C-alpha atoms as a PDB file:
ATOM      1  CA  UNK A   1     -47.702  31.868 -54.549  1.00  0.00           C
ATOM      2  CA  UNK A   2     -49.251  28.293 -54.179  1.00  0.00           C
ATOM      3  CA  UNK A   3     -46.389  27.079 -52.674  1.00  0.00           C
ATOM      4  CA  UNK A   4     -46.185  30.347 -50.481  1.00  0.00           C
ATOM      5  CA  UNK A   5     -50.031  29.769 -49.124  1.00  0.00           C
ATOM      6  CA  UNK A   6     -49.183  25.921 -48.576  1.00  0.00           C
ATOM      7  CA  UNK A   7     -46.350  26.824 -46.474  1.00  0.00           C
ATOM      8  CA  UNK A   8     -48.515  29.598 -44.553  1.00  0.00           C
ATOM      9  CA  UNK A   9     -51.283  27.206 -43.803  1.00  0.00           C
ATOM     10  CA  UNK A  10     -48.902  24.645 -42.472  1.00  0.00           C
ATOM     11  CA  UNK A  11     -47.456  27.336 -40.150  1.00  0.00           C
ATOM     12  CA  UNK A  12     -50.694  28.302 -38.641  1.00  0.00           C
ATOM     13  CA  UNK A  13     -50.669  25.919 -35.659  1.00  0.00           C
ATOM     14  CA  UNK A  14     -47.037  27.140 -34.990  1.00  0.00           C
ATOM     15  CA  UNK A  15     -47.788  30.628 -35.138  1.00  0.00           C
ATOM     16  CA  UNK A  16     -50.704  30.240 -32.677  1.00  0.00           C
ATOM     17  CA  UNK A  17     -48.365  28.502 -30.326  1.00  0.00           C
ATOM     18  CA  UNK A  18     -45.567  30.875 -30.335  1.00  0.00           C
ATOM     19  CA  UNK A  19     -48.300  33.857 -29.826  1.00  0.00           C
ATOM     20  CA  UNK A  20     -49.084  32.351 -26.471  1.00  0.00           C
ATOM     21  CA  UNK A  21     -45.535  31.703 -25.516  1.00  0.00           C
ATOM     22  CA  UNK A  22     -44.042  34.925 -26.354  1.00  0.00           C
ATOM     23  CA  UNK A  23     -47.080  36.530 -24.475  1.00  0.00           C
ATOM     24  CA  UNK A  24     -45.285  35.432 -21.427  1.00  0.00           C
ATOM     25  CA  UNK A  25     -41.692  36.295 -22.661  1.00  0.00           C
ATOM     26  CA  UNK A  26     -43.090  39.955 -23.080  1.00  0.00           C
ATOM     27  CA  UNK A  27     -44.443  40.103 -19.559  1.00  0.00           C
ATOM     28  CA  UNK A  28     -41.149  38.533 -18.029  1.00  0.00           C
ATOM     29  CA  UNK A  29     -39.256  41.066 -20.179  1.00  0.00           C
ATOM     30  CA  UNK A  30     -41.224  44.172 -18.660  1.00  0.00           C
ATOM     31  CA  UNK A  31     -41.024  42.581 -15.361  1.00  0.00           C
ATOM     32  CA  UNK A  32     -37.197  42.707 -15.619  1.00  0.00           C
ATOM     33  CA  UNK A  33     -37.165  46.314 -16.590  1.00  0.00           C
ATOM     34  CA  UNK A  34     -37.260  46.277 -20.045  1.00  0.00           C
ATOM     35  CA  UNK A  35     -39.255  48.703 -22.136  1.00  0.00           C
ATOM     36  CA  UNK A  36     -41.832  47.359 -24.378  1.00  0.00           C
ATOM     37  CA  UNK A  37     -40.296  48.325 -27.719  1.00  0.00           C
ATOM     38  CA  UNK A  38     -36.876  46.622 -26.436  1.00  0.00           C
ATOM     39  CA  UNK A  39     -38.883  43.228 -25.957  1.00  0.00           C
ATOM     40  CA  UNK A  40     -40.430  43.467 -29.197  1.00  0.00           C
ATOM     41  CA  UNK A  41     -36.885  44.205 -31.005  1.00  0.00           C
ATOM     42  CA  UNK A  42     -35.577  40.964 -29.090  1.00  0.00           C
ATOM     43  CA  UNK A  43     -38.243  38.899 -30.468  1.00  0.00           C
ATOM     44  CA  UNK A  44     -38.431  40.362 -33.989  1.00  0.00           C
ATOM     45  CA  UNK A  45     -34.503  40.014 -34.350  1.00  0.00           C
ATOM     46  CA  UNK A  46     -33.974  36.458 -32.686  1.00  0.00           C
ATOM     47  CA  UNK A  47     -36.624  34.092 -32.557  1.00  0.00           C
ATOM     48  CA  UNK A  48     -35.419  31.703 -30.075  1.00  0.00           C
ATOM     49  CA  UNK A  49     -37.306  31.177 -26.916  1.00  0.00           C
ATOM     50  CA  UNK A  50     -34.659  29.589 -24.702  1.00  0.00           C
ATOM     51  CA  UNK A  51     -32.086  32.058 -25.917  1.00  0.00           C
ATOM     52  CA  UNK A  52     -34.232  35.262 -25.189  1.00  0.00           C
ATOM     53  CA  UNK A  53     -35.139  33.848 -21.828  1.00  0.00           C
ATOM     54  CA  UNK A  54     -31.541  33.311 -20.801  1.00  0.00           C
ATOM     55  CA  UNK A  55     -30.453  36.296 -22.692  1.00  0.00           C
ATOM     56  CA  UNK A  56     -32.513  38.957 -20.841  1.00  0.00           C
ATOM     57  CA  UNK A  57     -31.686  37.187 -17.554  1.00  0.00           C
ATOM     58  CA  UNK A  58     -28.020  37.964 -18.337  1.00  0.00           C
ATOM     59  CA  UNK A  59     -28.537  41.741 -19.828  1.00  0.00           C
ATOM     60  CA  UNK A  60     -29.869  42.688 -16.028  1.00  0.00           C
ATOM     61  CA  UNK A  61     -26.802  41.612 -14.736  1.00  0.00           C
ATOM     62  CA  UNK A  62     -23.999  44.510 -15.918  1.00  0.00           C
ATOM     63  CA  UNK A  63     -20.566  43.154 -17.680  1.00  0.00           C
ATOM     64  CA  UNK A  64     -22.001  39.868 -18.607  1.00  0.00           C
ATOM     65  CA  UNK A  65     -21.060  39.458 -22.204  1.00  0.00           C
ATOM     66  CA  UNK A  66     -18.851  36.647 -21.884  1.00  0.00           C
ATOM     67  CA  UNK A  67     -21.769  34.772 -20.278  1.00  0.00           C
ATOM     68  CA  UNK A  68     -24.066  36.146 -23.075  1.00  0.00           C
ATOM     69  CA  UNK A  69     -21.808  34.965 -25.485  1.00  0.00           C
ATOM     70  CA  UNK A  70     -21.345  31.244 -24.003  1.00  0.00           C
ATOM     71  CA  UNK A  71     -24.881  30.816 -22.862  1.00  0.00           C
ATOM     72  CA  UNK A  72     -26.478  31.841 -26.493  1.00  0.00           C
ATOM     73  CA  UNK A  73     -23.660  29.732 -28.417  1.00  0.00           C
ATOM     74  CA  UNK A  74     -24.817  26.782 -26.344  1.00  0.00           C
ATOM     75  CA  UNK A  75     -28.381  27.219 -26.270  1.00  0.00           C
ATOM     76  CA  UNK A  76     -28.572  28.007 -30.085  1.00  0.00           C
ATOM     77  CA  UNK A  77     -26.062  25.675 -31.428  1.00  0.00           C
ATOM     78  CA  UNK A  78     -28.809  23.245 -32.286  1.00  0.00           C
ATOM     79  CA  UNK A  79     -30.067  25.640 -34.871  1.00  0.00           C
ATOM     80  CA  UNK A  80     -26.960  25.465 -36.744  1.00  0.00           C
ATOM     81  CA  UNK A  81     -27.151  21.586 -36.948  1.00  0.00           C
ATOM     82  CA  UNK A  82     -30.925  21.932 -38.013  1.00  0.00           C
ATOM     83  CA  UNK A  83     -29.898  24.357 -40.756  1.00  0.00           C
ATOM     84  CA  UNK A  84     -27.036  21.912 -41.982  1.00  0.00           C
ATOM     85  CA  UNK A  85     -29.619  18.922 -41.848  1.00  0.00           C
ATOM     86  CA  UNK A  86     -32.372  20.841 -43.776  1.00  0.00           C
ATOM     87  CA  UNK A  87     -29.814  22.011 -46.259  1.00  0.00           C
ATOM     88  CA  UNK A  88     -29.464  18.667 -47.671  1.00  0.00           C
ATOM     89  CA  UNK A  89     -33.192  18.590 -48.766  1.00  0.00           C
ATOM     90  CA  UNK A  90     -33.447  22.300 -49.887  1.00  0.00           C
ATOM     91  CA  UNK A  91     -34.271  22.822 -53.731  1.00  0.00           C
ATOM     92  CA  UNK A  92     -31.514  24.299 -56.135  1.00  0.00           C
ATOM     93  CA  UNK A  93     -33.446  27.704 -56.068  1.00  0.00           C
ATOM     94  CA  UNK A  94     -32.520  27.764 -52.167  1.00  0.00           C
ATOM     95  CA  UNK A  95     -29.261  29.696 -52.162  1.00  0.00           C
ATOM     96  CA  UNK A  96     -27.910  33.181 -51.513  1.00  0.00           C
ATOM     97  CA  UNK A  97     -29.732  35.297 -49.280  1.00  0.00           C
ATOM     98  CA  UNK A  98     -32.266  32.541 -49.149  1.00  0.00           C
ATOM     99  CA  UNK A  99     -30.099  30.448 -47.316  1.00  0.00           C
ATOM    100  CA  UNK A 100     -29.540  33.270 -44.852  1.00  0.00           C
ATOM    101  CA  UNK A 101     -33.318  33.293 -44.053  1.00  0.00           C
ATOM    102  CA  UNK A 102     -33.214  29.621 -43.836  1.00  0.00           C
ATOM    103  CA  UNK A 103     -30.674  30.171 -40.808  1.00  0.00           C
ATOM    104  CA  UNK A 104     -32.788  33.053 -39.435  1.00  0.00           C
ATOM    105  CA  UNK A 105     -36.212  31.577 -39.344  1.00  0.00           C
ATOM    106  CA  UNK A 106     -35.063  28.028 -38.013  1.00  0.00           C
ATOM    107  CA  UNK A 107     -36.534  26.612 -34.862  1.00  0.00           C
ATOM    108  CA  UNK A 108     -37.371  23.329 -33.527  1.00  0.00           C
ATOM    109  CA  UNK A 109     -41.107  23.653 -34.921  1.00  0.00           C
ATOM    110  CA  UNK A 110     -40.358  25.084 -38.171  1.00  0.00           C
ATOM    111  CA  UNK A 111     -37.753  22.336 -38.725  1.00  0.00           C
ATOM    112  CA  UNK A 112     -39.815  19.400 -37.825  1.00  0.00           C
ATOM    113  CA  UNK A 113     -42.548  20.548 -40.465  1.00  0.00           C
ATOM    114  CA  UNK A 114     -39.819  21.282 -43.268  1.00  0.00           C
ATOM    115  CA  UNK A 115     -38.132  18.086 -42.524  1.00  0.00           C
ATOM    116  CA  UNK A 116     -41.580  16.159 -43.871  1.00  0.00           C
ATOM    117  CA  UNK A 117     -41.300  17.903 -47.003  1.00  0.00           C
ATOM    118  CA  UNK A 118     -39.634  15.717 -49.806  1.00  0.00           C
ATOM    119  CA  UNK A 119     -37.817  19.129 -51.347  1.00  0.00           C
ATOM    120  CA  UNK A 120     -38.060  22.556 -49.445  1.00  0.00           C
ATOM    121  CA  UNK A 121     -38.740  25.299 -51.957  1.00  0.00           C
ATOM    122  CA  UNK A 122     -37.928  28.560 -50.870  1.00  0.00           C
ATOM    123  CA  UNK A 123     -41.441  30.114 -51.255  1.00  0.00           C
ATOM    124  CA  UNK A 124     -42.867  26.982 -49.083  1.00  0.00           C
ATOM    125  CA  UNK A 125     -40.137  27.910 -46.501  1.00  0.00           C
ATOM    126  CA  UNK A 126     -41.158  31.265 -46.483  1.00  0.00           C
ATOM    127  CA  UNK A 127     -44.672  30.962 -45.943  1.00  0.00           C
ATOM    128  CA  UNK A 128     -43.872  28.356 -43.236  1.00  0.00           C
ATOM    129  CA  UNK A 129     -41.985  30.967 -41.212  1.00  0.00           C
ATOM    130  CA  UNK A 130     -44.112  33.885 -41.794  1.00  0.00           C
ATOM    131  CA  UNK A 131     -46.697  33.243 -39.363  1.00  0.00           C
ATOM    132  CA  UNK A 132     -44.331  31.839 -36.270  1.00  0.00           C
ATOM    133  CA  UNK A 133     -42.508  35.147 -36.856  1.00  0.00           C
ATOM    134  CA  UNK A 134     -45.393  37.114 -36.739  1.00  0.00           C
ATOM    135  CA  UNK A 135     -46.949  35.317 -33.952  1.00  0.00           C
ATOM    136  CA  UNK A 136     -43.754  35.456 -31.817  1.00  0.00           C
ATOM    137  CA  UNK A 137     -43.479  38.931 -32.383  1.00  0.00           C
ATOM    138  CA  UNK A 138     -47.131  40.067 -31.874  1.00  0.00           C
ATOM    139  CA  UNK A 139     -47.415  38.021 -28.799  1.00  0.00           C
ATOM    140  CA  UNK A 140     -44.466  39.603 -27.142  1.00  0.00           C
ATOM    141  CA  UNK A 141     -45.785  43.085 -27.927  1.00  0.00           C
ATOM    142  CA  UNK A 142     -49.209  42.090 -26.351  1.00  0.00           C
ATOM    143  CA  UNK A 143     -47.513  40.691 -23.265  1.00  0.00           C
ATOM    144  CA  UNK A 144     -45.330  43.516 -22.890  1.00  0.00           C
ATOM    145  CA  UNK A 145     -48.010  46.055 -23.051  1.00  0.00           C
ATOM    146  CA  UNK A 146     -50.303  44.382 -20.672  1.00  0.00           C
ATOM    147  CA  UNK A 147     -47.338  43.507 -18.661  1.00  0.00           C
ATOM    148  CA  UNK A 148     -47.219  47.305 -17.939  1.00  0.00           C
ATOM    149  CA  UNK A 149     -50.724  47.379 -16.361  1.00  0.00           C
ATOM    150  CA  UNK A 150     -51.040  43.755 -14.668  1.00  0.00           C
ATOM    151  CA  UNK A 151     -50.488  43.643 -10.977  1.00  0.00           C
ATOM    152  CA  UNK A 152     -47.101  42.281 -10.018  1.00  0.00           C
ATOM    153  CA  UNK A 153     -48.455  38.871  -8.553  1.00  0.00           C
ATOM    154  CA  UNK A 154     -50.202  38.188 -11.888  1.00  0.00           C
ATOM    155  CA  UNK A 155     -47.530  38.887 -13.757  1.00  0.00           C
ATOM    156  CA  UNK A 156     -45.162  36.536 -11.752  1.00  0.00           C
ATOM    157  CA  UNK A 157     -47.986  33.939 -12.265  1.00  0.00           C
ATOM    158  CA  UNK A 158     -48.025  34.281 -15.848  1.00  0.00           C
ATOM    159  CA  UNK A 159     -44.111  34.041 -16.220  1.00  0.00           C
ATOM    160  CA  UNK A 160     -44.412  30.384 -14.838  1.00  0.00           C
ATOM    161  CA  UNK A 161     -45.934  29.859 -18.402  1.00  0.00           C
ATOM    162  CA  UNK A 162     -42.909  29.751 -20.313  1.00  0.00           C
ATOM    163  CA  UNK A 163     -41.192  27.093 -18.212  1.00  0.00           C
ATOM    164  CA  UNK A 164     -44.396  25.028 -19.073  1.00  0.00           C
ATOM    165  CA  UNK A 165     -43.249  25.176 -22.630  1.00  0.00           C
ATOM    166  CA  UNK A 166     -39.968  23.542 -21.997  1.00  0.00           C
ATOM    167  CA  UNK A 167     -41.469  20.702 -19.865  1.00  0.00           C
ATOM    168  CA  UNK A 168     -43.773  20.267 -22.782  1.00  0.00           C
ATOM    169  CA  UNK A 169     -40.835  19.844 -25.026  1.00  0.00           C
ATOM    170  CA  UNK A 170     -38.872  17.445 -22.501  1.00  0.00           C
ATOM    171  CA  UNK A 171     -41.642  15.182 -20.857  1.00  0.00           C
ATOM    172  CA  UNK A 172     -42.757  13.421 -23.982  1.00  0.00           C
ATOM    173  CA  UNK A 173     -39.512  11.915 -25.056  1.00  0.00           C
ATOM    174  CA  UNK A 174     -38.254  11.528 -21.423  1.00  0.00           C
ATOM    175  CA  UNK A 175     -41.617   9.037 -21.109  1.00  0.00           C
ATOM    176  CA  UNK A 176     -40.373   7.202 -24.108  1.00  0.00           C
ATOM    177  CA  UNK A 177     -36.672   6.803 -23.547  1.00  0.00           C
ATOM    178  CA  UNK A 178     -34.991   5.998 -20.239  1.00  0.00           C
ATOM    179  CA  UNK A 179     -31.729   7.332 -21.188  1.00  0.00           C
ATOM    180  CA  UNK A 180     -33.454  10.890 -22.122  1.00  0.00           C
ATOM    181  CA  UNK A 181     -34.770  10.722 -18.769  1.00  0.00           C
ATOM    182  CA  UNK A 182     -31.801  10.084 -16.994  1.00  0.00           C
ATOM    183  CA  UNK A 183     -29.845  13.122 -18.832  1.00  0.00           C
ATOM    184  CA  UNK A 184     -32.517  15.492 -18.143  1.00  0.00           C
ATOM    185  CA  UNK A 185     -32.373  14.551 -14.430  1.00  0.00           C
ATOM    186  CA  UNK A 186     -28.369  15.051 -14.704  1.00  0.00           C
ATOM    187  CA  UNK A 187     -29.061  18.346 -16.104  1.00  0.00           C
ATOM    188  CA  UNK A 188     -31.470  19.091 -13.338  1.00  0.00           C
ATOM    189  CA  UNK A 189     -29.249  18.099 -10.416  1.00  0.00           C
ATOM    190  CA  UNK A 190     -26.297  20.112 -11.902  1.00  0.00           C
ATOM    191  CA  UNK A 191     -28.106  22.854 -12.158  1.00  0.00           C
ATOM    192  CA  UNK A 192     -29.383  22.884  -8.539  1.00  0.00           C
ATOM    193  CA  UNK A 193     -25.884  22.517  -7.279  1.00  0.00           C
ATOM    194  CA  UNK A 194     -24.993  25.673  -9.166  1.00  0.00           C
ATOM    195  CA  UNK A 195     -27.883  27.326  -7.607  1.00  0.00           C
ATOM    196  CA  UNK A 196     -27.477  26.235  -4.004  1.00  0.00           C
ATOM    197  CA  UNK A 197     -23.658  25.005  -3.335  1.00  0.00           C
ATOM    198  CA  UNK A 198     -21.589  27.906  -1.668  1.00  0.00           C
ATOM    199  CA  UNK A 199     -18.964  28.116  -4.501  1.00  0.00           C
ATOM    200  CA  UNK A 200     -20.877  27.380  -7.770  1.00  0.00           C
ATOM    201  CA  UNK A 201     -23.819  29.685  -6.914  1.00  0.00           C
ATOM    202  CA  UNK A 202     -21.433  32.611  -7.683  1.00  0.00           C
ATOM    203  CA  UNK A 203     -21.008  31.483 -11.275  1.00  0.00           C
ATOM    204  CA  UNK A 204     -23.262  33.516 -13.675  1.00  0.00           C
ATOM    205  CA  UNK A 205     -26.524  31.675 -14.304  1.00  0.00           C
ATOM    206  CA  UNK A 206     -25.868  31.852 -18.347  1.00  0.00           C
ATOM    207  CA  UNK A 207     -22.311  30.068 -17.831  1.00  0.00           C
ATOM    208  CA  UNK A 208     -23.850  27.468 -15.081  1.00  0.00           C
ATOM    209  CA  UNK A 209     -26.777  26.546 -17.758  1.00  0.00           C
ATOM    210  CA  UNK A 210     -24.174  25.776 -20.485  1.00  0.00           C
ATOM    211  CA  UNK A 211     -22.008  24.017 -18.158  1.00  0.00           C
ATOM    212  CA  UNK A 212     -24.940  21.844 -16.979  1.00  0.00           C
ATOM    213  CA  UNK A 213     -26.222  21.396 -20.558  1.00  0.00           C
ATOM    214  CA  UNK A 214     -22.788  20.248 -21.523  1.00  0.00           C
ATOM    215  CA  UNK A 215     -21.639  18.023 -18.731  1.00  0.00           C
ATOM    216  CA  UNK A 216     -25.423  16.163 -18.786  1.00  0.00           C
ATOM    217  CA  UNK A 217     -24.862  15.608 -22.473  1.00  0.00           C
ATOM    218  CA  UNK A 218     -21.409  14.395 -22.311  1.00  0.00           C
ATOM    219  CA  UNK A 219     -22.386  11.848 -19.605  1.00  0.00           C
ATOM    220  CA  UNK A 220     -25.467  10.840 -21.669  1.00  0.00           C
ATOM    221  CA  UNK A 221     -23.229   9.999 -24.513  1.00  0.00           C
ATOM    222  CA  UNK A 222     -20.821   8.154 -22.262  1.00  0.00           C
ATOM    223  CA  UNK A 223     -23.489   6.245 -20.488  1.00  0.00           C
ATOM    224  CA  UNK A 224     -25.724   5.539 -23.655  1.00  0.00           C
ATOM    225  CA  UNK A 225     -23.802   5.774 -26.749  1.00  0.00           C
ATOM    226  CA  UNK A 226     -25.783   4.935 -29.958  1.00  0.00           C
ATOM    227  CA  UNK A 227     -24.408   2.317 -32.096  1.00  0.00           C
ATOM    228  CA  UNK A 228     -24.259   2.768 -35.846  1.00  0.00           C
ATOM    229  CA  UNK A 229     -26.850   0.127 -36.746  1.00  0.00           C
ATOM    230  CA  UNK A 230     -28.818   1.354 -33.713  1.00  0.00           C
ATOM    231  CA  UNK A 231     -28.717   4.739 -35.052  1.00  0.00           C
ATOM    232  CA  UNK A 232     -29.798   3.593 -38.840  1.00  0.00           C
ATOM    233  CA  UNK A 233     -32.607   1.615 -37.716  1.00  0.00           C
ATOM    234  CA  UNK A 234     -33.903   4.748 -35.817  1.00  0.00           C
ATOM    235  CA  UNK A 235     -33.427   7.216 -38.544  1.00  0.00           C
ATOM    236  CA  UNK A 236     -35.640   4.570 -40.859  1.00  0.00           C
END
């Protein structure tokens, strides 16, 4: 119980942050035609901000199953790498279905906090994941319910907040690293090309996001390769 409470305390700021961000997701889902309970189920069973945002946009486009598959694999692939990385620090007790929970609850913020632990115990990780999951699901519920009564102009304004979260994620590292900044600019320009150019704009948004991300990452790897000695220095 002590380890669970320790994890629960560590997850408080994450849960509060998720509460506000998922509130916007709930509003956005309702504005696209989803019922409030559908938005809540999506948040409760996926727990991925960017993936959910891309997913609901694809869902409103009939026949977009391939687009959904490609976009979700591209956006959420990083969680697999985080899970593999964190699995090197988990306790021997972390096995069986407990490792499934490790993968399900993995997010950027949970990974960051858990990585600071010398050994990740199952009870600590469960406590760490509890409030973020509750905050994400509850925030979606509140946003979806309030979204049914708010005027359209206010709903449209609040939907911008979720993009603010993405900016908060990319701006700090971009200010510190010139290479990251250039990769972000490349990805933005590529996505603008898919949005405005006559032929490219016919490509579904989910696939265009995936292509932009992969091409920008590939160009970044070619232009700014990290040498082994440099990588070891950065990792301490």
